[in-house]
Amino acid sequence: MQAWQKLLIVAALATIILVAGTLVYFNYYSKRRLFISTTTSLYDTGLLDVIEADYEAAHNLDLNILAVGTGIAIQHAKNGDADIVLVHSPSVEKSFLEEGYGVNRKIIAYNFFTIVGPADDPAQISGKTAADALFNIAQAGQNMSDQSGETQIWVSRGDNSGTNSKEKSLWKVAGYDYKELSDEVWFASTGQGMGATLTIADQKNAYTLSDIGTYLKFYSDGTIELSSLILEEHPLLNVYSVMAVTPTVSANQTVHEQINYQDAMDFIEYLVSDETEELITNYGKDTYGQSLFTGAVQPLIDDAPQPLVSWIQDYAFFDGSECPPQYRNGYEDLYS
């Protein structure tokens, strides 16, 4: 065998070894990925950045977070784009479970929505119930002298998010049809997330509905000047839940080969742990003077404080449970 032939064989063997070694590296040492589809309020507040850094520091996993409205987040999961959803619209979550797309729902946190608006409060809603406040806003809009559409005093997300779903229910309680209102000249819809909607409402000197977490961050940062006028009553309760995507859901092959169910469940167990619940409850205290979210796992176990726990159960439980048995896939310890 000539020398050049020996060199060629050696080069070929080296290439094979290199390729095999690379495959071994990627299979065993490179980071796995977990795709999380979530709501903008958790992302805009910065909480998910803290959770991501904390989790990735202890796990060989890359969290890929897509923050959109709840409706779109759920649709991404149905399309096989995500392994896990983290949202805040119980009625939408229930349908997601019933249709077989999600399993092992856990309620992890809560806060409250707030109606925010100009500090001088032209519709005089401060101190009223949410229903009375919306009635005043609608009356003020319908009685405005400027009916050209240049002046708008209410800004809605209009994006089928969890916040938008809550808004629709609040308008209904106040005696109004959301769809009809959205056609009125004083009513604006952004079709955007919470941060963008707050910014637009601030620019218009208008009222809007926001989760308290995003509002506090944007207000404290000096991004907006709107005041929180209605806060912490039963109808304004805001509950956050996590669900794993059912492992048999067809994954979007342009994103990942299959639903990463094991890592999704590991992440859920992390979220409901005492340490993470404490992290959630303490987040924002130093910066904003109060928690942006409160962990819900231990209060639900303790059945206290009341009446708050009863509010959570009334609003976010299905058939007396955060996740009825037919929507569970193992991991019974999560519910014991």
C-alpha atoms as a PDB file:
ATOM      1  CA  MET A   1       0.000   0.000   0.000  1.00  0.00           C
ATOM      2  CA  GLN A   2       1.384   3.329  -1.014  1.00  0.00           C
ATOM      3  CA  ALA A   3       1.955   6.117   1.482  1.00  0.00           C
ATOM      4  CA  TRP A   4      -0.773   8.364   0.065  1.00  0.00           C
ATOM      5  CA  GLN A   5      -3.295   5.521   0.440  1.00  0.00           C
ATOM      6  CA  LYS A   6      -2.335   5.057   4.090  1.00  0.00           C
ATOM      7  CA  LEU A   7      -2.753   8.786   4.696  1.00  0.00           C
ATOM      8  CA  LEU A   8      -6.184   8.718   3.071  1.00  0.00           C
ATOM      9  CA  ILE A   9      -7.303   5.848   5.300  1.00  0.00           C
ATOM     10  CA  VAL A  10      -5.993   7.607   8.407  1.00  0.00           C
ATOM     11  CA  ALA A  11      -7.797  10.799   7.411  1.00  0.00           C
ATOM     12  CA  ALA A  12     -11.052   8.902   6.827  1.00  0.00           C
ATOM     13  CA  LEU A  13     -10.797   7.164  10.202  1.00  0.00           C
ATOM     14  CA  ALA A  14     -10.084  10.489  11.920  1.00  0.00           C
ATOM     15  CA  THR A  15     -13.157  12.000  10.306  1.00  0.00           C
ATOM     16  CA  ILE A  16     -15.336   9.096  11.443  1.00  0.00           C
ATOM     17  CA  ILE A  17     -14.031   9.384  14.999  1.00  0.00           C
ATOM     18  CA  LEU A  18     -14.580  13.153  15.001  1.00  0.00           C
ATOM     19  CA  VAL A  19     -18.159  12.851  13.747  1.00  0.00           C
ATOM     20  CA  ALA A  20     -18.956  10.079  16.222  1.00  0.00           C
ATOM     21  CA  GLY A  21     -17.467  12.086  19.062  1.00  0.00           C
ATOM     22  CA  THR A  22     -19.500  15.120  18.081  1.00  0.00           C
ATOM     23  CA  LEU A  23     -22.714  13.088  18.073  1.00  0.00           C
ATOM     24  CA  VAL A  24     -21.899  11.678  21.501  1.00  0.00           C
ATOM     25  CA  TYR A  25     -21.258  15.189  22.792  1.00  0.00           C
ATOM     26  CA  PHE A  26     -24.535  16.585  21.526  1.00  0.00           C
ATOM     27  CA  ASN A  27     -26.509  13.581  22.723  1.00  0.00           C
ATOM     28  CA  TYR A  28     -25.080  13.487  26.230  1.00  0.00           C
ATOM     29  CA  TYR A  29     -23.505  16.825  27.070  1.00  0.00           C
ATOM     30  CA  SER A  30     -25.286  19.586  25.159  1.00  0.00           C
ATOM     31  CA  LYS A  31     -28.224  21.307  26.793  1.00  0.00           C
ATOM     32  CA  ARG A  32     -31.707  19.984  26.233  1.00  0.00           C
ATOM     33  CA  ARG A  33     -34.430  22.517  25.492  1.00  0.00           C
ATOM     34  CA  LEU A  34     -37.790  23.129  27.145  1.00  0.00           C
ATOM     35  CA  PHE A  35     -40.229  25.319  25.235  1.00  0.00           C
ATOM     36  CA  ILE A  36     -42.483  27.388  27.498  1.00  0.00           C
ATOM     37  CA  SER A  37     -45.477  29.262  26.121  1.00  0.00           C
ATOM     38  CA  THR A  38     -46.578  31.900  28.584  1.00  0.00           C
ATOM     39  CA  THR A  39     -48.412  35.135  29.222  1.00  0.00           C
ATOM     40  CA  THR A  40     -46.818  38.563  28.806  1.00  0.00           C
ATOM     41  CA  SER A  41     -47.507  39.647  32.397  1.00  0.00           C
ATOM     42  CA  LEU A  42     -45.107  37.074  33.837  1.00  0.00           C
ATOM     43  CA  TYR A  43     -42.487  38.080  31.290  1.00  0.00           C
ATOM     44  CA  ASP A  44     -42.930  41.869  31.393  1.00  0.00           C
ATOM     45  CA  THR A  45     -42.469  41.940  35.166  1.00  0.00           C
ATOM     46  CA  GLY A  46     -39.092  40.199  34.912  1.00  0.00           C
ATOM     47  CA  LEU A  47     -40.161  37.257  37.105  1.00  0.00           C
ATOM     48  CA  LEU A  48     -39.511  34.701  34.378  1.00  0.00           C
ATOM     49  CA  ASP A  49     -35.977  36.043  33.891  1.00  0.00           C
ATOM     50  CA  VAL A  50     -35.246  35.307  37.548  1.00  0.00           C
ATOM     51  CA  ILE A  51     -36.853  31.852  37.371  1.00  0.00           C
ATOM     52  CA  GLU A  52     -34.985  31.040  34.157  1.00  0.00           C
ATOM     53  CA  ALA A  53     -31.604  31.975  35.633  1.00  0.00           C
ATOM     54  CA  ASP A  54     -32.301  30.051  38.839  1.00  0.00           C
ATOM     55  CA  TYR A  55     -33.449  26.898  37.051  1.00  0.00           C
ATOM     56  CA  GLU A  56     -30.762  26.822  34.373  1.00  0.00           C
ATOM     57  CA  ALA A  57     -28.047  27.264  37.010  1.00  0.00           C
ATOM     58  CA  ALA A  58     -28.970  23.877  38.480  1.00  0.00           C
ATOM     59  CA  HIS A  59     -30.123  21.960  35.385  1.00  0.00           C
ATOM     60  CA  ASN A  60     -28.564  21.061  32.048  1.00  0.00           C
ATOM     61  CA  LEU A  61     -31.530  22.620  30.278  1.00  0.00           C
ATOM     62  CA  ASP A  62     -32.167  25.659  28.133  1.00  0.00           C
ATOM     63  CA  LEU A  63     -35.542  27.298  28.819  1.00  0.00           C
ATOM     64  CA  ASN A  64     -36.966  28.788  25.616  1.00  0.00           C
ATOM     65  CA  ILE A  65     -39.683  31.239  26.675  1.00  0.00           C
ATOM     66  CA  LEU A  66     -42.305  32.597  24.289  1.00  0.00           C
ATOM     67  CA  ALA A  67     -44.363  35.369  25.918  1.00  0.00           C
ATOM     68  CA  VAL A  68     -47.700  36.161  24.280  1.00  0.00           C
ATOM     69  CA  GLY A  69     -51.315  36.518  25.380  1.00  0.00           C
ATOM     70  CA  THR A  70     -52.903  33.484  27.023  1.00  0.00           C
ATOM     71  CA  GLY A  71     -55.055  32.671  23.988  1.00  0.00           C
ATOM     72  CA  ILE A  72     -52.064  32.617  21.662  1.00  0.00           C
ATOM     73  CA  ALA A  73     -49.938  30.784  24.249  1.00  0.00           C
ATOM     74  CA  ILE A  74     -52.540  28.022  24.403  1.00  0.00           C
ATOM     75  CA  GLN A  75     -52.714  27.861  20.604  1.00  0.00           C
ATOM     76  CA  HIS A  76     -48.935  27.467  20.385  1.00  0.00           C
ATOM     77  CA  ALA A  77     -49.205  24.473  22.709  1.00  0.00           C
ATOM     78  CA  LYS A  78     -52.005  22.974  20.622  1.00  0.00           C
ATOM     79  CA  ASN A  79     -49.810  23.396  17.548  1.00  0.00           C
ATOM     80  CA  GLY A  80     -47.030  21.413  19.219  1.00  0.00           C
ATOM     81  CA  ASP A  81     -44.762  24.443  19.559  1.00  0.00           C
ATOM     82  CA  ALA A  82     -44.427  24.188  23.350  1.00  0.00           C
ATOM     83  CA  ASP A  83     -43.831  21.609  26.068  1.00  0.00           C
ATOM     84  CA  ILE A  84     -45.476  23.572  28.845  1.00  0.00           C
ATOM     85  CA  VAL A  85     -47.913  26.478  29.247  1.00  0.00           C
ATOM     86  CA  LEU A  86     -47.956  29.052  32.036  1.00  0.00           C
ATOM     87  CA  VAL A  87     -51.099  31.190  31.820  1.00  0.00           C
ATOM     88  CA  HIS A  88     -53.939  32.892  33.729  1.00  0.00           C
ATOM     89  CA  SER A  89     -57.359  32.206  32.261  1.00  0.00           C
ATOM     90  CA  PRO A  90     -59.157  29.325  34.038  1.00  0.00           C
ATOM     91  CA  SER A  91     -61.934  28.955  31.450  1.00  0.00           C
ATOM     92  CA  VAL A  92     -59.398  28.647  28.623  1.00  0.00           C
ATOM     93  CA  GLU A  93     -57.267  26.282  30.692  1.00  0.00           C
ATOM     94  CA  LYS A  94     -60.271  24.049  31.345  1.00  0.00           C
ATOM     95  CA  SER A  95     -60.961  23.732  27.614  1.00  0.00           C
ATOM     96  CA  PHE A  96     -57.289  22.957  27.014  1.00  0.00           C
ATOM     97  CA  LEU A  97     -57.502  20.051  29.462  1.00  0.00           C
ATOM     98  CA  GLU A  98     -60.873  18.822  28.208  1.00  0.00           C
ATOM     99  CA  GLU A  99     -59.653  18.748  24.612  1.00  0.00           C
ATOM    100  CA  GLY A 100     -56.752  16.500  25.622  1.00  0.00           C
ATOM    101  CA  TYR A 101     -53.914  18.932  24.997  1.00  0.00           C
ATOM    102  CA  GLY A 102     -52.788  19.433  28.585  1.00  0.00           C
ATOM    103  CA  VAL A 103     -52.287  17.478  31.807  1.00  0.00           C
ATOM    104  CA  ASN A 104     -51.214  17.938  35.422  1.00  0.00           C
ATOM    105  CA  ARG A 105     -52.417  21.493  35.976  1.00  0.00           C
ATOM    106  CA  LYS A 106     -51.083  23.215  39.083  1.00  0.00           C
ATOM    107  CA  ILE A 107     -52.023  26.626  40.423  1.00  0.00           C
ATOM    108  CA  ILE A 108     -48.753  28.330  41.326  1.00  0.00           C
ATOM    109  CA  ALA A 109     -49.437  32.005  42.084  1.00  0.00           C
ATOM    110  CA  TYR A 110     -51.956  34.799  42.276  1.00  0.00           C
ATOM    111  CA  ASN A 111     -52.223  38.543  42.360  1.00  0.00           C
ATOM    112  CA  PHE A 112     -54.958  41.000  41.447  1.00  0.00           C
ATOM    113  CA  PHE A 113     -55.949  42.954  38.420  1.00  0.00           C
ATOM    114  CA  THR A 114     -56.285  46.685  38.814  1.00  0.00           C
ATOM    115  CA  ILE A 115     -58.132  49.373  36.894  1.00  0.00           C
ATOM    116  CA  VAL A 116     -55.667  52.171  36.260  1.00  0.00           C
ATOM    117  CA  GLY A 117     -56.244  55.631  34.888  1.00  0.00           C
ATOM    118  CA  PRO A 118     -55.372  59.332  35.052  1.00  0.00           C
ATOM    119  CA  ALA A 119     -54.560  60.636  38.514  1.00  0.00           C
ATOM    120  CA  ASP A 120     -57.316  63.271  38.259  1.00  0.00           C
ATOM    121  CA  ASP A 121     -59.801  60.422  37.595  1.00  0.00           C
ATOM    122  CA  PRO A 122     -62.246  62.218  35.268  1.00  0.00           C
ATOM    123  CA  ALA A 123     -64.741  59.312  35.391  1.00  0.00           C
ATOM    124  CA  GLN A 124     -64.631  59.348  39.209  1.00  0.00           C
ATOM    125  CA  ILE A 125     -64.080  55.628  39.696  1.00  0.00           C
ATOM    126  CA  SER A 126     -61.757  55.660  42.726  1.00  0.00           C
ATOM    127  CA  GLY A 127     -63.245  53.809  45.687  1.00  0.00           C
ATOM    128  CA  LYS A 128     -65.951  52.103  43.639  1.00  0.00           C
ATOM    129  CA  THR A 129     -66.407  48.433  42.835  1.00  0.00           C
ATOM    130  CA  ALA A 130     -65.027  47.215  39.507  1.00  0.00           C
ATOM    131  CA  ALA A 131     -68.541  46.990  38.044  1.00  0.00           C
ATOM    132  CA  ASP A 132     -69.470  50.513  39.133  1.00  0.00           C
ATOM    133  CA  ALA A 133     -66.133  51.827  37.909  1.00  0.00           C
ATOM    134  CA  LEU A 134     -66.676  50.398  34.421  1.00  0.00           C
ATOM    135  CA  PHE A 135     -70.216  51.776  34.387  1.00  0.00           C
ATOM    136  CA  ASN A 136     -68.837  55.246  35.134  1.00  0.00           C
ATOM    137  CA  ILE A 137     -66.198  54.906  32.411  1.00  0.00           C
ATOM    138  CA  ALA A 138     -68.766  53.825  29.823  1.00  0.00           C
ATOM    139  CA  GLN A 139     -71.059  56.688  30.778  1.00  0.00           C
ATOM    140  CA  ALA A 140     -68.186  59.162  30.580  1.00  0.00           C
ATOM    141  CA  GLY A 141     -67.214  57.865  27.152  1.00  0.00           C
ATOM    142  CA  GLN A 142     -70.722  57.944  25.766  1.00  0.00           C
ATOM    143  CA  ASN A 143     -71.267  61.487  27.073  1.00  0.00           C
ATOM    144  CA  MET A 144     -68.005  62.946  25.807  1.00  0.00           C
ATOM    145  CA  SER A 145     -68.349  66.102  23.776  1.00  0.00           C
ATOM    146  CA  ASP A 146     -65.739  64.772  21.333  1.00  0.00           C
ATOM    147  CA  GLN A 147     -67.273  61.812  19.501  1.00  0.00           C
ATOM    148  CA  SER A 148     -64.873  61.993  16.553  1.00  0.00           C
ATOM    149  CA  GLY A 149     -62.747  59.109  17.744  1.00  0.00           C
ATOM    150  CA  GLU A 150     -59.791  61.376  18.493  1.00  0.00           C
ATOM    151  CA  THR A 151     -60.389  61.042  22.231  1.00  0.00           C
ATOM    152  CA  GLN A 152     -60.496  57.530  23.713  1.00  0.00           C
ATOM    153  CA  ILE A 153     -60.804  56.990  27.453  1.00  0.00           C
ATOM    154  CA  TRP A 154     -60.649  53.171  27.646  1.00  0.00           C
ATOM    155  CA  VAL A 155     -57.883  50.993  26.202  1.00  0.00           C
ATOM    156  CA  SER A 156     -58.427  47.243  25.890  1.00  0.00           C
ATOM    157  CA  ARG A 157     -55.835  44.641  24.996  1.00  0.00           C
ATOM    158  CA  GLY A 158     -58.297  43.061  22.580  1.00  0.00           C
ATOM    159  CA  ASP A 159     -56.007  40.071  22.094  1.00  0.00           C
ATOM    160  CA  ASN A 160     -57.913  37.142  23.673  1.00  0.00           C
ATOM    161  CA  SER A 161     -55.375  37.064  26.488  1.00  0.00           C
ATOM    162  CA  GLY A 162     -56.148  36.139  30.075  1.00  0.00           C
ATOM    163  CA  THR A 163     -56.378  39.830  30.919  1.00  0.00           C
ATOM    164  CA  ASN A 164     -58.704  40.431  27.982  1.00  0.00           C
ATOM    165  CA  SER A 165     -60.864  37.492  29.084  1.00  0.00           C
ATOM    166  CA  LYS A 166     -61.108  38.975  32.565  1.00  0.00           C
ATOM    167  CA  GLU A 167     -61.991  42.369  31.081  1.00  0.00           C
ATOM    168  CA  LYS A 168     -64.839  40.876  29.048  1.00  0.00           C
ATOM    169  CA  SER A 169     -66.288  39.227  32.146  1.00  0.00           C
ATOM    170  CA  LEU A 170     -66.055  42.474  34.116  1.00  0.00           C
ATOM    171  CA  TRP A 171     -67.860  44.438  31.406  1.00  0.00           C
ATOM    172  CA  LYS A 172     -70.586  41.781  31.398  1.00  0.00           C
ATOM    173  CA  VAL A 173     -71.072  42.102  35.160  1.00  0.00           C
ATOM    174  CA  ALA A 174     -71.281  45.880  34.679  1.00  0.00           C
ATOM    175  CA  GLY A 175     -74.134  45.328  32.219  1.00  0.00           C
ATOM    176  CA  TYR A 176     -72.346  45.833  28.912  1.00  0.00           C
ATOM    177  CA  ASP A 177     -71.577  43.703  25.859  1.00  0.00           C
ATOM    178  CA  TYR A 178     -67.839  43.828  25.161  1.00  0.00           C
ATOM    179  CA  LYS A 179     -68.210  43.393  21.412  1.00  0.00           C
ATOM    180  CA  GLU A 180     -70.680  46.254  21.162  1.00  0.00           C
ATOM    181  CA  LEU A 181     -68.516  48.501  23.328  1.00  0.00           C
ATOM    182  CA  SER A 182     -65.445  47.832  21.205  1.00  0.00           C
ATOM    183  CA  ASP A 183     -67.158  49.578  18.297  1.00  0.00           C
ATOM    184  CA  GLU A 184     -67.709  52.791  20.220  1.00  0.00           C
ATOM    185  CA  VAL A 185     -65.484  55.776  19.440  1.00  0.00           C
ATOM    186  CA  TRP A 186     -64.177  56.193  23.000  1.00  0.00           C
ATOM    187  CA  PHE A 187     -63.052  52.543  23.194  1.00  0.00           C
ATOM    188  CA  ALA A 188     -59.585  51.582  21.874  1.00  0.00           C
ATOM    189  CA  SER A 189     -58.152  48.080  21.332  1.00  0.00           C
ATOM    190  CA  THR A 190     -54.419  47.526  20.990  1.00  0.00           C
ATOM    191  CA  GLY A 191     -54.163  43.834  20.090  1.00  0.00           C
ATOM    192  CA  GLN A 192     -50.911  43.880  22.063  1.00  0.00           C
ATOM    193  CA  GLY A 193     -49.443  42.715  25.356  1.00  0.00           C
ATOM    194  CA  MET A 194     -49.848  44.268  28.783  1.00  0.00           C
ATOM    195  CA  GLY A 195     -46.783  46.488  28.706  1.00  0.00           C
ATOM    196  CA  ALA A 196     -47.640  47.968  25.316  1.00  0.00           C
ATOM    197  CA  THR A 197     -51.278  48.462  26.336  1.00  0.00           C
ATOM    198  CA  LEU A 198     -50.295  50.300  29.520  1.00  0.00           C
ATOM    199  CA  THR A 199     -47.991  52.542  27.519  1.00  0.00           C
ATOM    200  CA  ILE A 200     -50.723  53.387  25.001  1.00  0.00           C
ATOM    201  CA  ALA A 201     -53.263  54.059  27.778  1.00  0.00           C
ATOM    202  CA  ASP A 202     -50.752  56.368  29.416  1.00  0.00           C
ATOM    203  CA  GLN A 203     -50.217  58.243  26.151  1.00  0.00           C
ATOM    204  CA  LYS A 204     -53.976  58.638  25.719  1.00  0.00           C
ATOM    205  CA  ASN A 205     -54.486  59.576  29.383  1.00  0.00           C
ATOM    206  CA  ALA A 206     -57.050  56.788  29.465  1.00  0.00           C
ATOM    207  CA  TYR A 207     -58.178  53.933  31.712  1.00  0.00           C
ATOM    208  CA  THR A 208     -57.295  50.268  31.267  1.00  0.00           C
ATOM    209  CA  LEU A 209     -57.268  46.923  33.080  1.00  0.00           C
ATOM    210  CA  SER A 210     -53.853  45.575  34.090  1.00  0.00           C
ATOM    211  CA  ASP A 211     -52.420  42.885  36.290  1.00  0.00           C
ATOM    212  CA  ILE A 212     -50.901  44.606  39.312  1.00  0.00           C
ATOM    213  CA  GLY A 213     -47.438  43.138  38.674  1.00  0.00           C
ATOM    214  CA  THR A 214     -46.928  44.677  35.249  1.00  0.00           C
ATOM    215  CA  TYR A 215     -48.486  47.953  36.373  1.00  0.00           C
ATOM    216  CA  LEU A 216     -46.149  48.302  39.359  1.00  0.00           C
ATOM    217  CA  LYS A 217     -43.088  47.592  37.255  1.00  0.00           C
ATOM    218  CA  PHE A 218     -43.993  50.106  34.549  1.00  0.00           C
ATOM    219  CA  TYR A 219     -45.087  52.739  37.083  1.00  0.00           C
ATOM    220  CA  SER A 220     -41.992  52.329  39.271  1.00  0.00           C
ATOM    221  CA  ASP A 221     -39.718  52.424  36.241  1.00  0.00           C
ATOM    222  CA  GLY A 222     -41.242  55.746  35.231  1.00  0.00           C
ATOM    223  CA  THR A 223     -42.594  54.311  31.969  1.00  0.00           C
ATOM    224  CA  ILE A 224     -46.162  55.355  32.812  1.00  0.00           C
ATOM    225  CA  GLU A 225     -47.848  57.869  35.135  1.00  0.00           C
ATOM    226  CA  LEU A 226     -51.281  56.252  35.436  1.00  0.00           C
ATOM    227  CA  SER A 227     -52.630  55.644  38.938  1.00  0.00           C
ATOM    228  CA  SER A 228     -54.010  52.385  40.320  1.00  0.00           C
ATOM    229  CA  LEU A 229     -57.601  53.290  41.194  1.00  0.00           C
ATOM    230  CA  ILE A 230     -59.426  49.970  41.807  1.00  0.00           C
ATOM    231  CA  LEU A 231     -57.580  47.091  43.467  1.00  0.00           C
ATOM    232  CA  GLU A 232     -57.891  43.845  45.440  1.00  0.00           C
ATOM    233  CA  GLU A 233     -61.511  42.896  45.357  1.00  0.00           C
ATOM    234  CA  HIS A 234     -62.881  39.436  44.632  1.00  0.00           C
ATOM    235  CA  PRO A 235     -63.794  40.019  40.938  1.00  0.00           C
ATOM    236  CA  LEU A 236     -60.242  41.268  40.233  1.00  0.00           C
ATOM    237  CA  LEU A 237     -58.512  38.082  41.401  1.00  0.00           C
ATOM    238  CA  ASN A 238     -55.838  36.862  38.968  1.00  0.00           C
ATOM    239  CA  VAL A 239     -54.645  33.232  39.201  1.00  0.00           C
ATOM    240  CA  TYR A 240     -51.641  31.728  37.383  1.00  0.00           C
ATOM    241  CA  SER A 241     -51.442  28.039  36.493  1.00  0.00           C
ATOM    242  CA  VAL A 242     -48.981  25.743  34.772  1.00  0.00           C
ATOM    243  CA  MET A 243     -49.836  22.715  32.599  1.00  0.00           C
ATOM    244  CA  ALA A 244     -47.689  20.164  30.810  1.00  0.00           C
ATOM    245  CA  VAL A 245     -48.541  19.536  27.182  1.00  0.00           C
ATOM    246  CA  THR A 246     -49.840  15.995  26.738  1.00  0.00           C
ATOM    247  CA  PRO A 247     -46.899  13.866  25.535  1.00  0.00           C
ATOM    248  CA  THR A 248     -48.955  12.399  22.670  1.00  0.00           C
ATOM    249  CA  VAL A 249     -49.525  15.830  21.095  1.00  0.00           C
ATOM    250  CA  SER A 250     -47.767  15.987  17.720  1.00  0.00           C
ATOM    251  CA  ALA A 251     -44.713  18.212  18.062  1.00  0.00           C
ATOM    252  CA  ASN A 252     -44.020  20.916  15.523  1.00  0.00           C
ATOM    253  CA  GLN A 253     -41.000  19.387  13.792  1.00  0.00           C
ATOM    254  CA  THR A 254     -39.574  22.801  12.928  1.00  0.00           C
ATOM    255  CA  VAL A 255     -39.259  23.450  16.676  1.00  0.00           C
ATOM    256  CA  HIS A 256     -38.550  20.067  18.278  1.00  0.00           C
ATOM    257  CA  GLU A 257     -38.844  16.369  17.474  1.00  0.00           C
ATOM    258  CA  GLN A 258     -41.256  15.493  20.280  1.00  0.00           C
ATOM    259  CA  ILE A 259     -42.957  16.971  23.328  1.00  0.00           C
ATOM    260  CA  ASN A 260     -40.412  17.119  26.149  1.00  0.00           C
ATOM    261  CA  TYR A 261     -42.762  15.777  28.798  1.00  0.00           C
ATOM    262  CA  GLN A 262     -40.181  14.649  31.360  1.00  0.00           C
ATOM    263  CA  ASP A 263     -38.449  18.008  31.549  1.00  0.00           C
ATOM    264  CA  ALA A 264     -41.845  19.751  31.593  1.00  0.00           C
ATOM    265  CA  MET A 265     -42.858  17.774  34.669  1.00  0.00           C
ATOM    266  CA  ASP A 266     -39.490  18.378  36.334  1.00  0.00           C
ATOM    267  CA  PHE A 267     -40.033  22.097  35.792  1.00  0.00           C
ATOM    268  CA  ILE A 268     -43.549  21.947  37.251  1.00  0.00           C
ATOM    269  CA  GLU A 269     -42.180  20.208  40.348  1.00  0.00           C
ATOM    270  CA  TYR A 270     -39.600  22.980  40.598  1.00  0.00           C
ATOM    271  CA  LEU A 271     -42.291  25.682  40.354  1.00  0.00           C
ATOM    272  CA  VAL A 272     -44.373  24.202  43.189  1.00  0.00           C
ATOM    273  CA  SER A 273     -41.400  23.620  45.501  1.00  0.00           C
ATOM    274  CA  ASP A 274     -41.165  25.623  48.718  1.00  0.00           C
ATOM    275  CA  GLU A 275     -38.022  27.389  47.497  1.00  0.00           C
ATOM    276  CA  THR A 276     -39.541  28.578  44.219  1.00  0.00           C
ATOM    277  CA  GLU A 277     -42.808  29.592  45.838  1.00  0.00           C
ATOM    278  CA  GLU A 278     -40.764  31.738  48.224  1.00  0.00           C
ATOM    279  CA  LEU A 279     -38.864  33.195  45.265  1.00  0.00           C
ATOM    280  CA  ILE A 280     -42.173  34.084  43.579  1.00  0.00           C
ATOM    281  CA  THR A 281     -43.632  35.657  46.727  1.00  0.00           C
ATOM    282  CA  ASN A 282     -40.517  37.722  47.456  1.00  0.00           C
ATOM    283  CA  TYR A 283     -40.025  38.913  43.884  1.00  0.00           C
ATOM    284  CA  GLY A 284     -40.347  42.683  43.647  1.00  0.00           C
ATOM    285  CA  LYS A 285     -40.505  43.430  47.384  1.00  0.00           C
ATOM    286  CA  ASP A 286     -37.182  45.259  47.511  1.00  0.00           C
ATOM    287  CA  THR A 287     -37.778  47.198  44.299  1.00  0.00           C
ATOM    288  CA  TYR A 288     -41.493  47.935  44.410  1.00  0.00           C
ATOM    289  CA  GLY A 289     -42.267  47.813  48.123  1.00  0.00           C
ATOM    290  CA  GLN A 290     -44.608  44.861  47.717  1.00  0.00           C
ATOM    291  CA  SER A 291     -44.783  41.460  46.054  1.00  0.00           C
ATOM    292  CA  LEU A 292     -45.828  41.406  42.420  1.00  0.00           C
ATOM    293  CA  PHE A 293     -47.088  37.828  42.841  1.00  0.00           C
ATOM    294  CA  THR A 294     -47.848  35.543  45.771  1.00  0.00           C
ATOM    295  CA  GLY A 295     -47.194  31.819  45.753  1.00  0.00           C
ATOM    296  CA  ALA A 296     -50.472  29.881  45.888  1.00  0.00           C
ATOM    297  CA  VAL A 297     -49.340  26.320  46.590  1.00  0.00           C
ATOM    298  CA  GLN A 298     -49.040  26.490  50.388  1.00  0.00           C
ATOM    299  CA  PRO A 299     -52.194  28.605  50.932  1.00  0.00           C
ATOM    300  CA  LEU A 300     -54.192  25.991  49.010  1.00  0.00           C
ATOM    301  CA  ILE A 301     -52.682  23.222  51.160  1.00  0.00           C
ATOM    302  CA  ASP A 302     -53.337  25.143  54.397  1.00  0.00           C
ATOM    303  CA  ASP A 303     -56.778  26.338  53.263  1.00  0.00           C
ATOM    304  CA  ALA A 304     -55.712  29.764  54.521  1.00  0.00           C
ATOM    305  CA  PRO A 305     -55.832  32.722  54.509  1.00  0.00           C
ATOM    306  CA  GLN A 306     -59.554  33.055  54.065  1.00  0.00           C
ATOM    307  CA  PRO A 307     -61.537  34.292  52.247  1.00  0.00           C
ATOM    308  CA  LEU A 308     -58.716  34.448  49.690  1.00  0.00           C
ATOM    309  CA  VAL A 309     -58.371  30.677  49.282  1.00  0.00           C
ATOM    310  CA  SER A 310     -62.123  30.345  48.761  1.00  0.00           C
ATOM    311  CA  TRP A 311     -61.891  33.041  46.078  1.00  0.00           C
ATOM    312  CA  ILE A 312     -59.154  31.058  44.306  1.00  0.00           C
ATOM    313  CA  GLN A 313     -61.181  27.854  44.536  1.00  0.00           C
ATOM    314  CA  ASP A 314     -64.356  29.521  43.256  1.00  0.00           C
ATOM    315  CA  TYR A 315     -62.550  31.163  40.370  1.00  0.00           C
ATOM    316  CA  ALA A 316     -59.915  28.655  39.297  1.00  0.00           C
ATOM    317  CA  PHE A 317     -60.982  25.157  40.418  1.00  0.00           C
ATOM    318  CA  PHE A 318     -62.790  22.711  38.132  1.00  0.00           C
ATOM    319  CA  ASP A 319     -65.148  20.179  39.728  1.00  0.00           C
ATOM    320  CA  GLY A 320     -63.670  20.991  43.118  1.00  0.00           C
ATOM    321  CA  SER A 321     -60.022  20.541  42.102  1.00  0.00           C
ATOM    322  CA  GLU A 322     -57.198  22.475  40.481  1.00  0.00           C
ATOM    323  CA  CYS A 323     -56.813  19.403  38.243  1.00  0.00           C
ATOM    324  CA  PRO A 324     -59.524  16.717  38.331  1.00  0.00           C
ATOM    325  CA  PRO A 325     -58.169  13.132  38.192  1.00  0.00           C
ATOM    326  CA  GLN A 326     -59.127  12.581  34.549  1.00  0.00           C
ATOM    327  CA  TYR A 327     -56.675  15.308  33.528  1.00  0.00           C
ATOM    328  CA  ARG A 328     -53.697  13.880  35.385  1.00  0.00           C
ATOM    329  CA  ASN A 329     -50.918  11.756  33.933  1.00  0.00           C
ATOM    330  CA  GLY A 330     -49.035  10.292  36.864  1.00  0.00           C
ATOM    331  CA  TYR A 331     -47.386  12.552  39.476  1.00  0.00           C
ATOM    332  CA  GLU A 332     -50.176  12.044  42.004  1.00  0.00           C
ATOM    333  CA  ASP A 333     -47.846  13.451  44.677  1.00  0.00           C
ATOM    334  CA  LEU A 334     -48.582  16.895  43.223  1.00  0.00           C
ATOM    335  CA  TYR A 335     -52.139  16.616  44.523  1.00  0.00           C
ATOM    336  CA  SER A 336     -51.683  14.844  47.869  1.00  0.00           C
END
